[in-house]
C-alpha atoms as a PDB file:
ATOM      1  CA  MET A   1       0.884 -21.735  -6.339  1.00  0.00           C
ATOM      2  CA  ARG A   2      -2.474 -22.448  -4.672  1.00  0.00           C
ATOM      3  CA  LEU A   3      -5.307 -20.112  -6.617  1.00  0.00           C
ATOM      4  CA  GLU A   4      -7.080 -19.459  -3.400  1.00  0.00           C
ATOM      5  CA  ASP A   5      -3.435 -17.630  -2.291  1.00  0.00           C
ATOM      6  CA  SER A   6      -3.095 -16.145  -5.363  1.00  0.00           C
ATOM      7  CA  GLU A   7      -6.550 -14.440  -5.459  1.00  0.00           C
ATOM      8  CA  GLU A   8      -5.656 -13.629  -1.731  1.00  0.00           C
ATOM      9  CA  ILE A   9      -2.605 -11.652  -2.128  1.00  0.00           C
ATOM     10  CA  ARG A  10      -5.175  -9.805  -5.528  1.00  0.00           C
ATOM     11  CA  ARG A  11      -7.613  -8.643  -2.552  1.00  0.00           C
ATOM     12  CA  LEU A  12      -4.871  -7.757  -0.498  1.00  0.00           C
ATOM     13  CA  TYR A  13      -3.531  -5.179  -2.781  1.00  0.00           C
ATOM     14  CA  ALA A  14      -7.611  -3.878  -3.596  1.00  0.00           C
ATOM     15  CA  ARG A  15      -7.940  -3.854   0.048  1.00  0.00           C
ATOM     16  CA  TYR A  16      -4.862  -1.235   0.555  1.00  0.00           C
ATOM     17  CA  ALA A  17      -6.254   1.090  -2.121  1.00  0.00           C
ATOM     18  CA  TRP A  18      -9.508   0.994  -0.805  1.00  0.00           C
ATOM     19  CA  THR A  19      -8.684   1.564   3.054  1.00  0.00           C
ATOM     20  CA  THR A  20      -5.973   4.159   1.749  1.00  0.00           C
ATOM     21  CA  ASP A  21      -8.246   6.269  -0.267  1.00  0.00           C
ATOM     22  CA  ASN A  22     -11.340   6.341   2.549  1.00  0.00           C
ATOM     23  CA  GLY A  23      -9.085   7.197   5.044  1.00  0.00           C
ATOM     24  CA  GLU A  24      -9.413   3.950   6.870  1.00  0.00           C
ATOM     25  CA  ALA A  25      -6.170   4.142   9.131  1.00  0.00           C
ATOM     26  CA  GLU A  26      -6.457   0.540  11.070  1.00  0.00           C
ATOM     27  CA  ALA A  27      -8.058  -1.094   8.364  1.00  0.00           C
ATOM     28  CA  TRP A  28      -5.387   0.410   6.144  1.00  0.00           C
ATOM     29  CA  ALA A  29      -2.479  -1.022   8.550  1.00  0.00           C
ATOM     30  CA  ALA A  30      -4.337  -3.834   8.998  1.00  0.00           C
ATOM     31  CA  CYS A  31      -3.188  -4.916   5.999  1.00  0.00           C
ATOM     32  CA  PHE A  32       0.659  -5.045   6.686  1.00  0.00           C
ATOM     33  CA  THR A  33       2.439  -7.436   9.320  1.00  0.00           C
ATOM     34  CA  GLN A  34       2.553  -6.105  12.442  1.00  0.00           C
ATOM     35  CA  ASP A  35       5.965  -5.481  11.999  1.00  0.00           C
ATOM     36  CA  ALA A  36       5.455  -3.642   8.590  1.00  0.00           C
ATOM     37  CA  SER A  37       8.393  -1.955   7.678  1.00  0.00           C
ATOM     38  CA  PHE A  38       6.659   1.138   4.739  1.00  0.00           C
ATOM     39  CA  VAL A  39       9.323   3.761   2.757  1.00  0.00           C
ATOM     40  CA  ALA A  40       8.139   6.379   0.247  1.00  0.00           C
ATOM     41  CA  PRO A  41      11.035   8.794  -1.861  1.00  0.00           C
ATOM     42  CA  GLY A  42      11.793  11.770   0.720  1.00  0.00           C
ATOM     43  CA  ALA A  43      10.379  10.105   4.059  1.00  0.00           C
ATOM     44  CA  ASP A  44      12.316   7.906   6.844  1.00  0.00           C
ATOM     45  CA  LYS A  45      10.913   4.350   6.804  1.00  0.00           C
ATOM     46  CA  VAL A  46       8.274   3.105   9.129  1.00  0.00           C
ATOM     47  CA  ILE A  47       7.921   0.203  10.671  1.00  0.00           C
ATOM     48  CA  GLY A  48       4.990  -1.589  12.828  1.00  0.00           C
ATOM     49  CA  ARG A  49       1.245  -1.216  12.866  1.00  0.00           C
ATOM     50  CA  GLU A  50       0.902   1.684  15.614  1.00  0.00           C
ATOM     51  CA  ALA A  51       3.422   3.879  13.307  1.00  0.00           C
ATOM     52  CA  LEU A  52       1.804   2.910  10.415  1.00  0.00           C
ATOM     53  CA  ILE A  53      -1.528   3.966  11.741  1.00  0.00           C
ATOM     54  CA  GLU A  54      -0.236   7.732  13.051  1.00  0.00           C
ATOM     55  CA  MET A  55       1.469   8.205   9.507  1.00  0.00           C
ATOM     56  CA  ALA A  56      -1.445   7.100   7.477  1.00  0.00           C
ATOM     57  CA  SER A  57      -3.457   9.549   9.976  1.00  0.00           C
ATOM     58  CA  ALA A  58      -1.028  12.733   9.743  1.00  0.00           C
ATOM     59  CA  HIS A  59      -0.981  11.957   5.667  1.00  0.00           C
ATOM     60  CA  TRP A  60      -5.181  12.309   6.045  1.00  0.00           C
ATOM     61  CA  ALA A  61      -5.073  15.100   8.147  1.00  0.00           C
ATOM     62  CA  SER A  62      -3.149  16.981   5.012  1.00  0.00           C
ATOM     63  CA  LEU A  63      -5.365  16.217   2.429  1.00  0.00           C
ATOM     64  CA  GLY A  64      -8.416  18.031   3.689  1.00  0.00           C
ATOM     65  CA  ALA A  65     -11.113  18.219   1.910  1.00  0.00           C
ATOM     66  CA  ALA A  66      -8.864  16.544  -0.755  1.00  0.00           C
ATOM     67  CA  LYS A  67      -9.324  13.298  -2.381  1.00  0.00           C
ATOM     68  CA  GLN A  68      -7.103  10.553  -3.684  1.00  0.00           C
ATOM     69  CA  ARG A  69      -7.162   7.540  -5.810  1.00  0.00           C
ATOM     70  CA  HIS A  70      -4.485   4.834  -6.016  1.00  0.00           C
ATOM     71  CA  VAL A  71      -4.889   2.588  -8.870  1.00  0.00           C
ATOM     72  CA  LEU A  72      -2.845  -0.333  -8.759  1.00  0.00           C
ATOM     73  CA  THR A  73      -1.849  -2.109 -12.106  1.00  0.00           C
ATOM     74  CA  ASN A  74       0.150  -4.423 -13.651  1.00  0.00           C
ATOM     75  CA  ILE A  75       0.526  -6.623 -10.191  1.00  0.00           C
ATOM     76  CA  ARG A  76       2.337  -9.463 -10.055  1.00  0.00           C
ATOM     77  CA  PHE A  77       3.874 -12.057  -7.262  1.00  0.00           C
ATOM     78  CA  ASP A  78       5.851 -14.830  -6.475  1.00  0.00           C
ATOM     79  CA  LEU A  79       4.827 -17.222  -3.538  1.00  0.00           C
ATOM     80  CA  ASP A  80       6.929 -19.758  -1.416  1.00  0.00           C
ATOM     81  CA  GLY A  81       5.794 -21.452   1.626  1.00  0.00           C
ATOM     82  CA  ASP A  82       3.946 -18.281   3.816  1.00  0.00           C
ATOM     83  CA  ARG A  83       6.311 -15.778   2.208  1.00  0.00           C
ATOM     84  CA  GLY A  84       6.137 -13.877  -0.926  1.00  0.00           C
ATOM     85  CA  GLU A  85       7.457 -11.384  -2.624  1.00  0.00           C
ATOM     86  CA  GLY A  86       5.911  -9.172  -5.508  1.00  0.00           C
ATOM     87  CA  GLY A  87       4.790  -5.516  -6.641  1.00  0.00           C
ATOM     88  CA  CYS A  88       2.996  -3.156  -9.597  1.00  0.00           C
ATOM     89  CA  TYR A  89       2.554   0.053 -10.390  1.00  0.00           C
ATOM     90  CA  VAL A  90       0.889   2.668  -8.945  1.00  0.00           C
ATOM     91  CA  GLN A  91      -0.318   5.596 -10.276  1.00  0.00           C
ATOM     92  CA  TYR A  92      -1.587   8.757  -7.369  1.00  0.00           C
ATOM     93  CA  TYR A  93      -4.608  10.798  -8.411  1.00  0.00           C
ATOM     94  CA  LEU A  94      -5.437  13.683  -6.275  1.00  0.00           C
ATOM     95  CA  THR A  95      -8.653  15.753  -6.484  1.00  0.00           C
ATOM     96  CA  ARG A  96      -9.261  19.854  -4.470  1.00  0.00           C
ATOM     97  CA  ASP A  97     -11.693  22.380  -5.000  1.00  0.00           C
ATOM     98  CA  GLY A  98     -13.461  20.085  -8.520  1.00  0.00           C
ATOM     99  CA  SER A  99     -10.005  19.592 -10.404  1.00  0.00           C
ATOM    100  CA  THR A 100      -8.174  16.514 -10.648  1.00  0.00           C
ATOM    101  CA  ALA A 101      -4.043  15.752 -11.357  1.00  0.00           C
ATOM    102  CA  LEU A 102      -2.254  12.762 -11.512  1.00  0.00           C
ATOM    103  CA  LYS A 103       0.224  13.291  -9.276  1.00  0.00           C
ATOM    104  CA  GLY A 104       2.654  10.561  -9.325  1.00  0.00           C
ATOM    105  CA  LEU A 105       3.654   7.246 -11.092  1.00  0.00           C
ATOM    106  CA  GLY A 106       5.773   4.389  -9.407  1.00  0.00           C
ATOM    107  CA  VAL A 107       6.661   1.323  -8.211  1.00  0.00           C
ATOM    108  CA  TYR A 108       5.368  -0.557  -5.163  1.00  0.00           C
ATOM    109  CA  ARG A 109       7.749  -3.435  -4.573  1.00  0.00           C
ATOM    110  CA  ASP A 110       7.067  -5.808  -1.544  1.00  0.00           C
ATOM    111  CA  GLN A 111       7.498  -8.534   0.627  1.00  0.00           C
ATOM    112  CA  PHE A 112       4.523 -10.705   1.848  1.00  0.00           C
ATOM    113  CA  ARG A 113       3.804 -13.022   4.758  1.00  0.00           C
ATOM    114  CA  ARG A 114       1.091 -15.193   5.541  1.00  0.00           C
ATOM    115  CA  VAL A 115       0.049 -14.770   9.425  1.00  0.00           C
ATOM    116  CA  ASP A 116      -2.724 -16.998  10.911  1.00  0.00           C
ATOM    117  CA  GLY A 117      -3.373 -17.980   7.669  1.00  0.00           C
ATOM    118  CA  GLU A 118      -3.700 -14.245   6.323  1.00  0.00           C
ATOM    119  CA  TRP A 119      -1.976 -12.730   3.935  1.00  0.00           C
ATOM    120  CA  LEU A 120      -0.509  -9.488   4.523  1.00  0.00           C
ATOM    121  CA  PHE A 121       2.466  -7.231   3.286  1.00  0.00           C
ATOM    122  CA  GLU A 122       5.596  -7.314   5.255  1.00  0.00           C
ATOM    123  CA  SER A 123       7.395  -4.800   3.967  1.00  0.00           C
ATOM    124  CA  ARG A 124       6.617  -2.048   0.872  1.00  0.00           C
ATOM    125  CA  ALA A 125       8.683   0.278  -0.627  1.00  0.00           C
ATOM    126  CA  VAL A 126       7.010   3.364  -3.056  1.00  0.00           C
ATOM    127  CA  THR A 127       9.745   4.248  -5.699  1.00  0.00           C
ATOM    128  CA  GLN A 128       7.870   7.373  -7.610  1.00  0.00           C
ATOM    129  CA  ASP A 129       8.954   7.816 -10.826  1.00  0.00           C
ATOM    130  CA  GLY A 130      11.399  10.814 -12.076  1.00  0.00           C
ATOM    131  CA  ILE A 131      11.977  11.055  -7.547  1.00  0.00           C
ATOM    132  CA  PRO A 132      15.611   9.122  -6.459  1.00  0.00           C
END
């Protein structure tokens, strides 16, 4: 694994968290390949960037004035050529009406693919502690 690839993957994780927490649907979806999939507890699998943009936009609209924060830790990954797998822990906080609460703890399980020299999520599956 090249040091440059490692840094690009770490930056991908950071870009994902920043764009999701700031409601940047197109920038968030650009963290994924065109044919990527995303699945979370209690939701159907979403496939493709356009569907990801729609899902994210609906989620952010549902938050109203609330603010969310994703804290990603213990990032680990292995790369093999233009593909890789990895994951991290996630803590999800929500602030509403001046009160902040931890809303979930879980794990992201990821598949990566390098497309035109850029590392992107090819699939991302979220599991939340305590939710099957």
